Every structure is written in structure tokens, then in C-alpha cells.
Amino acid sequence: MTDTAAPAPSSSSSSLSPLIHLVDDDAAVRDGLSLLISTVGLRVQAWADPQSFMAGFDRASIGAIVLDVRMPGISGLTVLEQLLAQGVDQPVILLTGHGTVEMCRRAFKTGAAEFLEKPVDDEVLIEALQNAVRQHVRSRERHQADQQARERFAQLSAREREVLGLIVEGLTNKEIGRALELSPRTVETHRANLFAKLGAESLAQLIRRYAALVDASS
């Protein structure tokens, strides 16, 4: 069962603000941290146990997860490992009242974004959350750009892929024309079409976005 989240600021953009999932079996901790996190414009959904959280949290949301290490039934470290195995990409901040070097090492090895000891300093937690949210936004943007690149690449004709492959190799228009037995004007047309179809504004951008896809398809 989930707790009622701390109220978000009443603005038109509040529904679009990042969502922080707070998982802790201590009601006082949940209430206190929910209030703190909401003061900086972040939405909060608090969970009293990790099982309910794993079954019900919004994996598509932008934000981060704050996870207590010591909880009845299943530890926060085990939850972190399960999240990683399921491909969940929200950054995870672990909280513990009894941290050890080994616990910290395991947390970071598993993929934790931060490992903080209770009682956690308010400013330290807020800074960690803001960094985690920025990290998640960048990660989602890269994923979206990669998906768009794959979709655009898939729409190229066989000839356009050949031309793109030679552009990525660094050949000039004349060299591409000789390699494919095409006139310079035809190569220029293919090149212009490629930049338009792939949404590339420069040669460097074209190579950066599509070199790996060219290699994978060859």
C-alpha cells in the first residue's frame, strides 16, 4: 500500500515535475522526507514496503528512487539488484542508518547513484536528488535520440546506406562516385538526401549518430 504523497506546488507545471519514489518502512521518515522533497518542486510518492513499490511504481516517469537499505522482508540492496535486472533506468539513492564499507561498495557496484547515511543532511539529499534527476533526463534524451536515429536509418534505401557507409569511412564525393560507379552529381544528390532524411546538420553529427549503425549493419 502506498502513502499519500506530499502535496506538490500548485502550478500548471507541477504535473510535469519529476517524480521521486520514496521507499522506507518508517512512517516518520516517509513523512519528513516527503515534505522536504516537495519543497523544491519535486513530486513524491511514498511507499511503506518494497514489494508494493516494485509491483506498482511508474517505470515511465522521469525522476529518481530513494530507497532505505534495511527493511523487513527484503533489503534495499536486493531491491536495487532487481531494479537493475529489470532494466529500470531511474537513478537510485540508498539511505541507511547503519552503513558499512562493504555495503557502500556493493551499492555502487550494483549501480546506485548515491549512498547516504541517516540522519541524512537535507541539503545533501536535495543536491543528490537534483543531480539524479538531471542524470535521468539526459539518459532519457540520449535513449530517445538513439531510437530516432535507428528509425531514420531503417528508412534508407540500400544505395543510400552504401553512400552513408563510405561517407562515414571518410571518402570524398569523387571517391564515393568511383567506388559505386556513380556520377558526382548523383553522389551529391544522395548526400543531400541523406542529411535531410537523417536530420544531420553537419558531417560530424552524421558520423557521431550513425557510424555505429553503419558498422552494425555491415
C-alpha atoms as a PDB file:
ATOM      1  CA  MET A   1       0.000   0.000   0.000  1.00  0.00           C
ATOM      2  CA  THR A   2       1.236   3.477  -0.806  1.00  0.00           C
ATOM      3  CA  ASP A   3       1.218   6.552   1.345  1.00  0.00           C
ATOM      4  CA  THR A   4      -0.385   9.750   0.228  1.00  0.00           C
ATOM      5  CA  ALA A   5       2.307  11.795  -1.450  1.00  0.00           C
ATOM      6  CA  ALA A   6       3.186  15.174  -0.074  1.00  0.00           C
ATOM      7  CA  PRO A   7       1.228  17.839  -1.975  1.00  0.00           C
ATOM      8  CA  ALA A   8       3.002  19.263  -4.983  1.00  0.00           C
ATOM      9  CA  PRO A   9       3.214  23.007  -5.562  1.00  0.00           C
ATOM     10  CA  SER A  10       0.036  24.318  -7.156  1.00  0.00           C
ATOM     11  CA  SER A  11       1.377  25.431 -10.527  1.00  0.00           C
ATOM     12  CA  SER A  12       0.462  24.494 -14.076  1.00  0.00           C
ATOM     13  CA  SER A  13       3.747  22.621 -14.456  1.00  0.00           C
ATOM     14  CA  SER A  14       3.516  20.619 -11.226  1.00  0.00           C
ATOM     15  CA  SER A  15       2.050  17.597 -13.025  1.00  0.00           C
ATOM     16  CA  LEU A  16       5.104  17.584 -15.276  1.00  0.00           C
ATOM     17  CA  SER A  17       7.672  17.870 -12.494  1.00  0.00           C
ATOM     18  CA  PRO A  18       9.916  14.865 -11.819  1.00  0.00           C
ATOM     19  CA  LEU A  19       8.536  12.135  -9.569  1.00  0.00           C
ATOM     20  CA  ILE A  20      10.542  10.855  -6.614  1.00  0.00           C
ATOM     21  CA  HIS A  21       9.659   7.404  -5.294  1.00  0.00           C
ATOM     22  CA  LEU A  22      10.440   7.170  -1.582  1.00  0.00           C
ATOM     23  CA  VAL A  23      10.595   3.650  -0.153  1.00  0.00           C
ATOM     24  CA  ASP A  24      11.009   3.379   3.636  1.00  0.00           C
ATOM     25  CA  ASP A  25       9.185   1.309   6.262  1.00  0.00           C
ATOM     26  CA  ASP A  26       9.432   4.118   8.852  1.00  0.00           C
ATOM     27  CA  ALA A  27       6.350   6.349   8.623  1.00  0.00           C
ATOM     28  CA  ALA A  28       8.082   9.287  10.320  1.00  0.00           C
ATOM     29  CA  VAL A  29      10.935   9.143   7.815  1.00  0.00           C
ATOM     30  CA  ARG A  30       8.492   8.940   4.912  1.00  0.00           C
ATOM     31  CA  ASP A  31       6.528  11.940   6.144  1.00  0.00           C
ATOM     32  CA  GLY A  32       9.595  14.057   6.874  1.00  0.00           C
ATOM     33  CA  LEU A  33      11.427  13.336   3.637  1.00  0.00           C
ATOM     34  CA  SER A  34       8.265  13.688   1.548  1.00  0.00           C
ATOM     35  CA  LEU A  35       7.739  17.171   2.933  1.00  0.00           C
ATOM     36  CA  LEU A  36      11.389  18.104   2.383  1.00  0.00           C
ATOM     37  CA  ILE A  37      11.471  16.853  -1.208  1.00  0.00           C
ATOM     38  CA  SER A  38       8.202  18.577  -2.134  1.00  0.00           C
ATOM     39  CA  THR A  39       9.590  21.965  -1.049  1.00  0.00           C
ATOM     40  CA  VAL A  40      11.887  22.056  -4.113  1.00  0.00           C
ATOM     41  CA  GLY A  41       9.104  21.361  -6.590  1.00  0.00           C
ATOM     42  CA  LEU A  42       9.548  17.613  -6.916  1.00  0.00           C
ATOM     43  CA  ARG A  43       6.541  15.316  -6.693  1.00  0.00           C
ATOM     44  CA  VAL A  44       6.778  12.480  -4.156  1.00  0.00           C
ATOM     45  CA  GLN A  45       5.158   9.068  -3.997  1.00  0.00           C
ATOM     46  CA  ALA A  46       5.942   7.298  -0.722  1.00  0.00           C
ATOM     47  CA  TRP A  47       5.864   3.538  -0.294  1.00  0.00           C
ATOM     48  CA  ALA A  48       5.794   1.681   3.034  1.00  0.00           C
ATOM     49  CA  ASP A  49       7.266  -1.550   1.695  1.00  0.00           C
ATOM     50  CA  PRO A  50       9.442  -2.552  -1.269  1.00  0.00           C
ATOM     51  CA  GLN A  51       7.061  -5.263  -2.514  1.00  0.00           C
ATOM     52  CA  SER A  52       4.268  -2.757  -3.140  1.00  0.00           C
ATOM     53  CA  PHE A  53       6.741  -0.376  -4.719  1.00  0.00           C
ATOM     54  CA  MET A  54       8.109  -2.989  -7.127  1.00  0.00           C
ATOM     55  CA  ALA A  55       4.598  -4.034  -8.115  1.00  0.00           C
ATOM     56  CA  GLY A  56       3.142  -0.594  -8.635  1.00  0.00           C
ATOM     57  CA  PHE A  57       5.584   2.212  -9.355  1.00  0.00           C
ATOM     58  CA  ASP A  58       5.557   4.130 -12.639  1.00  0.00           C
ATOM     59  CA  ARG A  59       8.603   2.967 -14.596  1.00  0.00           C
ATOM     60  CA  ALA A  60       7.980   5.516 -17.356  1.00  0.00           C
ATOM     61  CA  SER A  61       8.217   8.569 -15.093  1.00  0.00           C
ATOM     62  CA  ILE A  62      11.145  10.956 -15.034  1.00  0.00           C
ATOM     63  CA  GLY A  63      12.723  11.181 -11.591  1.00  0.00           C
ATOM     64  CA  ALA A  64      14.598   9.079  -9.069  1.00  0.00           C
ATOM     65  CA  ILE A  65      14.151   6.469  -6.338  1.00  0.00           C
ATOM     66  CA  VAL A  66      15.087   6.950  -2.675  1.00  0.00           C
ATOM     67  CA  LEU A  67      15.432   3.534  -1.090  1.00  0.00           C
ATOM     68  CA  ASP A  68      16.068   2.544   2.519  1.00  0.00           C
ATOM     69  CA  VAL A  69      18.601  -0.275   2.860  1.00  0.00           C
ATOM     70  CA  ARG A  70      17.202  -2.037   5.948  1.00  0.00           C
ATOM     71  CA  MET A  71      13.545  -3.010   5.557  1.00  0.00           C
ATOM     72  CA  PRO A  72      11.559  -6.072   6.690  1.00  0.00           C
ATOM     73  CA  GLY A  73      11.306  -8.894   4.191  1.00  0.00           C
ATOM     74  CA  ILE A  74      13.706  -7.629   1.530  1.00  0.00           C
ATOM     75  CA  SER A  75      16.713  -5.330   1.741  1.00  0.00           C
ATOM     76  CA  GLY A  76      17.146  -2.177  -0.278  1.00  0.00           C
ATOM     77  CA  LEU A  77      20.268  -3.641  -1.876  1.00  0.00           C
ATOM     78  CA  THR A  78      18.257  -6.616  -3.125  1.00  0.00           C
ATOM     79  CA  VAL A  79      15.606  -4.253  -4.496  1.00  0.00           C
ATOM     80  CA  LEU A  80      18.355  -2.302  -6.264  1.00  0.00           C
ATOM     81  CA  GLU A  81      19.626  -5.502  -7.869  1.00  0.00           C
ATOM     82  CA  GLN A  82      16.097  -6.398  -9.003  1.00  0.00           C
ATOM     83  CA  LEU A  83      15.590  -2.949 -10.491  1.00  0.00           C
ATOM     84  CA  LEU A  84      18.825  -3.294 -12.427  1.00  0.00           C
ATOM     85  CA  ALA A  85      17.860  -6.761 -13.675  1.00  0.00           C
ATOM     86  CA  GLN A  86      14.505  -5.418 -14.885  1.00  0.00           C
ATOM     87  CA  GLY A  87      16.131  -2.579 -16.826  1.00  0.00           C
ATOM     88  CA  VAL A  88      14.664   0.203 -14.665  1.00  0.00           C
ATOM     89  CA  ASP A  89      16.578   3.371 -15.515  1.00  0.00           C
ATOM     90  CA  GLN A  90      15.591   5.755 -12.718  1.00  0.00           C
ATOM     91  CA  PRO A  91      18.680   6.581 -10.604  1.00  0.00           C
ATOM     92  CA  VAL A  92      18.578   5.086  -7.103  1.00  0.00           C
ATOM     93  CA  ILE A  93      19.732   6.825  -3.921  1.00  0.00           C
ATOM     94  CA  LEU A  94      20.220   4.445  -0.994  1.00  0.00           C
ATOM     95  CA  LEU A  95      19.736   5.530   2.625  1.00  0.00           C
ATOM     96  CA  THR A  96      20.963   3.601   5.654  1.00  0.00           C
ATOM     97  CA  GLY A  97      21.283   4.142   9.369  1.00  0.00           C
ATOM     98  CA  HIS A  98      23.997   1.509   9.724  1.00  0.00           C
ATOM     99  CA  GLY A  99      26.318   1.769   6.739  1.00  0.00           C
ATOM    100  CA  THR A 100      29.472  -0.253   6.271  1.00  0.00           C
ATOM    101  CA  VAL A 101      32.278  -0.019   3.737  1.00  0.00           C
ATOM    102  CA  GLU A 102      31.205  -3.350   2.236  1.00  0.00           C
ATOM    103  CA  MET A 103      27.587  -2.201   1.965  1.00  0.00           C
ATOM    104  CA  CYS A 104      28.674   1.018   0.277  1.00  0.00           C
ATOM    105  CA  ARG A 105      30.935  -0.880  -2.133  1.00  0.00           C
ATOM    106  CA  ARG A 106      28.145  -3.282  -3.052  1.00  0.00           C
ATOM    107  CA  ALA A 107      25.689  -0.423  -3.576  1.00  0.00           C
ATOM    108  CA  PHE A 108      27.886   1.421  -6.050  1.00  0.00           C
ATOM    109  CA  LYS A 109      28.936  -1.803  -7.775  1.00  0.00           C
ATOM    110  CA  THR A 110      25.259  -2.626  -8.301  1.00  0.00           C
ATOM    111  CA  GLY A 111      24.572   0.792  -9.787  1.00  0.00           C
ATOM    112  CA  ALA A 112      23.422   3.143  -7.016  1.00  0.00           C
ATOM    113  CA  ALA A 113      23.629   6.828  -7.897  1.00  0.00           C
ATOM    114  CA  GLU A 114      24.366   7.775  -4.266  1.00  0.00           C
ATOM    115  CA  PHE A 115      24.729   6.166  -0.844  1.00  0.00           C
ATOM    116  CA  LEU A 116      23.816   8.357   2.143  1.00  0.00           C
ATOM    117  CA  GLU A 117      23.745   7.690   5.882  1.00  0.00           C
ATOM    118  CA  LYS A 118      20.842   8.620   8.180  1.00  0.00           C
ATOM    119  CA  PRO A 119      20.137  11.069   9.588  1.00  0.00           C
ATOM    120  CA  VAL A 120      20.692  12.490   6.127  1.00  0.00           C
ATOM    121  CA  ASP A 121      21.541  16.166   5.748  1.00  0.00           C
ATOM    122  CA  ASP A 122      18.682  17.977   3.982  1.00  0.00           C
ATOM    123  CA  GLU A 123      20.911  19.879   1.549  1.00  0.00           C
ATOM    124  CA  VAL A 124      22.953  16.789   0.713  1.00  0.00           C
ATOM    125  CA  LEU A 125      19.828  14.785  -0.096  1.00  0.00           C
ATOM    126  CA  ILE A 126      18.284  17.547  -2.201  1.00  0.00           C
ATOM    127  CA  GLU A 127      21.522  18.014  -4.133  1.00  0.00           C
ATOM    128  CA  ALA A 128      21.765  14.252  -4.713  1.00  0.00           C
ATOM    129  CA  LEU A 129      18.167  14.138  -5.939  1.00  0.00           C
ATOM    130  CA  GLN A 130      18.608  17.088  -8.287  1.00  0.00           C
ATOM    131  CA  ASN A 131      21.759  15.517  -9.717  1.00  0.00           C
ATOM    132  CA  ALA A 132      19.936  12.197 -10.133  1.00  0.00           C
ATOM    133  CA  VAL A 133      17.009  13.843 -11.922  1.00  0.00           C
ATOM    134  CA  ARG A 134      19.356  15.677 -14.295  1.00  0.00           C
ATOM    135  CA  GLN A 135      21.152  12.384 -14.946  1.00  0.00           C
ATOM    136  CA  HIS A 136      17.846  10.672 -15.711  1.00  0.00           C
ATOM    137  CA  VAL A 137      16.705  13.427 -18.073  1.00  0.00           C
ATOM    138  CA  ARG A 138      19.993  13.199 -20.011  1.00  0.00           C
ATOM    139  CA  SER A 139      19.714   9.407 -20.142  1.00  0.00           C
ATOM    140  CA  ARG A 140      16.148   9.531 -21.495  1.00  0.00           C
ATOM    141  CA  GLU A 141      17.135  12.182 -24.064  1.00  0.00           C
ATOM    142  CA  ARG A 142      20.021  10.007 -25.296  1.00  0.00           C
ATOM    143  CA  HIS A 143      17.719   6.997 -25.485  1.00  0.00           C
ATOM    144  CA  GLN A 144      15.146   8.967 -27.462  1.00  0.00           C
ATOM    145  CA  ALA A 145      17.809  10.298 -29.841  1.00  0.00           C
ATOM    146  CA  ASP A 146      19.195   6.778 -30.348  1.00  0.00           C
ATOM    147  CA  GLN A 147      15.702   5.451 -31.086  1.00  0.00           C
ATOM    148  CA  GLN A 148      15.061   8.221 -33.602  1.00  0.00           C
ATOM    149  CA  ALA A 149      18.407   7.504 -35.274  1.00  0.00           C
ATOM    150  CA  ARG A 150      17.551   3.794 -35.610  1.00  0.00           C
ATOM    151  CA  GLU A 151      14.150   4.620 -37.102  1.00  0.00           C
ATOM    152  CA  ARG A 152      15.616   7.066 -39.618  1.00  0.00           C
ATOM    153  CA  PHE A 153      18.423   4.682 -40.568  1.00  0.00           C
ATOM    154  CA  ALA A 154      15.874   1.914 -41.194  1.00  0.00           C
ATOM    155  CA  GLN A 155      14.139   4.100 -43.803  1.00  0.00           C
ATOM    156  CA  LEU A 156      17.239   4.462 -46.008  1.00  0.00           C
ATOM    157  CA  SER A 157      17.441   2.630 -49.313  1.00  0.00           C
ATOM    158  CA  ALA A 158      20.221   0.109 -49.944  1.00  0.00           C
ATOM    159  CA  ARG A 159      22.073   2.634 -52.134  1.00  0.00           C
ATOM    160  CA  GLU A 160      21.745   5.369 -49.506  1.00  0.00           C
ATOM    161  CA  ARG A 161      23.226   3.039 -46.906  1.00  0.00           C
ATOM    162  CA  GLU A 162      26.158   2.338 -49.228  1.00  0.00           C
ATOM    163  CA  VAL A 163      26.785   6.052 -49.676  1.00  0.00           C
ATOM    164  CA  LEU A 164      26.443   6.668 -45.946  1.00  0.00           C
ATOM    165  CA  GLY A 165      28.934   3.906 -45.190  1.00  0.00           C
ATOM    166  CA  LEU A 166      31.519   5.487 -47.477  1.00  0.00           C
ATOM    167  CA  ILE A 167      30.881   8.953 -46.024  1.00  0.00           C
ATOM    168  CA  VAL A 168      31.473   7.533 -42.537  1.00  0.00           C
ATOM    169  CA  GLU A 169      34.732   5.981 -43.808  1.00  0.00           C
ATOM    170  CA  GLY A 170      35.866   9.459 -44.814  1.00  0.00           C
ATOM    171  CA  LEU A 171      35.685   9.192 -48.617  1.00  0.00           C
ATOM    172  CA  THR A 172      35.126  12.298 -50.713  1.00  0.00           C
ATOM    173  CA  ASN A 173      32.292  12.635 -53.208  1.00  0.00           C
ATOM    174  CA  LYS A 174      34.658  11.824 -56.071  1.00  0.00           C
ATOM    175  CA  GLU A 175      35.967   8.734 -54.278  1.00  0.00           C
ATOM    176  CA  ILE A 176      32.424   7.590 -53.492  1.00  0.00           C
ATOM    177  CA  GLY A 177      31.463   8.088 -57.143  1.00  0.00           C
ATOM    178  CA  ARG A 178      34.362   5.945 -58.313  1.00  0.00           C
ATOM    179  CA  ALA A 179      33.674   3.241 -55.731  1.00  0.00           C
ATOM    180  CA  LEU A 180      29.984   2.971 -56.636  1.00  0.00           C
ATOM    181  CA  GLU A 181      30.312   3.949 -60.319  1.00  0.00           C
ATOM    182  CA  LEU A 182      28.109   6.987 -59.855  1.00  0.00           C
ATOM    183  CA  SER A 183      28.404  10.490 -61.307  1.00  0.00           C
ATOM    184  CA  PRO A 184      29.486  13.297 -58.944  1.00  0.00           C
ATOM    185  CA  ARG A 185      26.035  14.903 -59.305  1.00  0.00           C
ATOM    186  CA  THR A 186      24.322  11.647 -58.274  1.00  0.00           C
ATOM    187  CA  VAL A 187      26.602  11.333 -55.249  1.00  0.00           C
ATOM    188  CA  GLU A 188      25.829  14.930 -54.271  1.00  0.00           C
ATOM    189  CA  THR A 189      22.096  14.198 -54.544  1.00  0.00           C
ATOM    190  CA  HIS A 190      22.423  11.093 -52.372  1.00  0.00           C
ATOM    191  CA  ARG A 191      24.487  13.049 -49.869  1.00  0.00           C
ATOM    192  CA  ALA A 192      21.926  15.855 -49.631  1.00  0.00           C
ATOM    193  CA  ASN A 193      19.093  13.345 -49.262  1.00  0.00           C
ATOM    194  CA  LEU A 194      20.982  11.546 -46.508  1.00  0.00           C
ATOM    195  CA  PHE A 195      21.476  14.706 -44.456  1.00  0.00           C
ATOM    196  CA  ALA A 196      17.800  15.559 -44.853  1.00  0.00           C
ATOM    197  CA  LYS A 197      16.466  12.081 -44.055  1.00  0.00           C
ATOM    198  CA  LEU A 198      18.790  11.590 -41.087  1.00  0.00           C
ATOM    199  CA  GLY A 199      18.267  15.056 -39.635  1.00  0.00           C
ATOM    200  CA  ALA A 200      22.002  15.756 -39.509  1.00  0.00           C
ATOM    201  CA  GLU A 201      23.213  19.352 -39.598  1.00  0.00           C
ATOM    202  CA  SER A 202      26.902  18.615 -40.061  1.00  0.00           C
ATOM    203  CA  LEU A 203      29.250  15.833 -41.123  1.00  0.00           C
ATOM    204  CA  ALA A 204      30.464  15.427 -37.535  1.00  0.00           C
ATOM    205  CA  GLN A 205      26.884  14.991 -36.304  1.00  0.00           C
ATOM    206  CA  LEU A 206      26.151  12.481 -39.067  1.00  0.00           C
ATOM    207  CA  ILE A 207      29.173  10.370 -38.147  1.00  0.00           C
ATOM    208  CA  ARG A 208      28.562  10.608 -34.390  1.00  0.00           C
ATOM    209  CA  ARG A 209      24.937   9.471 -34.684  1.00  0.00           C
ATOM    210  CA  TYR A 210      25.191   6.865 -37.407  1.00  0.00           C
ATOM    211  CA  ALA A 211      28.691   5.329 -37.504  1.00  0.00           C
ATOM    212  CA  ALA A 212      27.724   2.578 -35.027  1.00  0.00           C
ATOM    213  CA  LEU A 213      24.549   1.757 -37.002  1.00  0.00           C
ATOM    214  CA  VAL A 214      26.572   1.556 -40.216  1.00  0.00           C
ATOM    215  CA  ASP A 215      29.056  -0.822 -38.585  1.00  0.00           C
ATOM    216  CA  ALA A 216      26.261  -2.965 -37.130  1.00  0.00           C
ATOM    217  CA  SER A 217      24.529  -3.319 -40.499  1.00  0.00           C
ATOM    218  CA  SER A 218      27.649  -4.219 -42.493  1.00  0.00           C
END
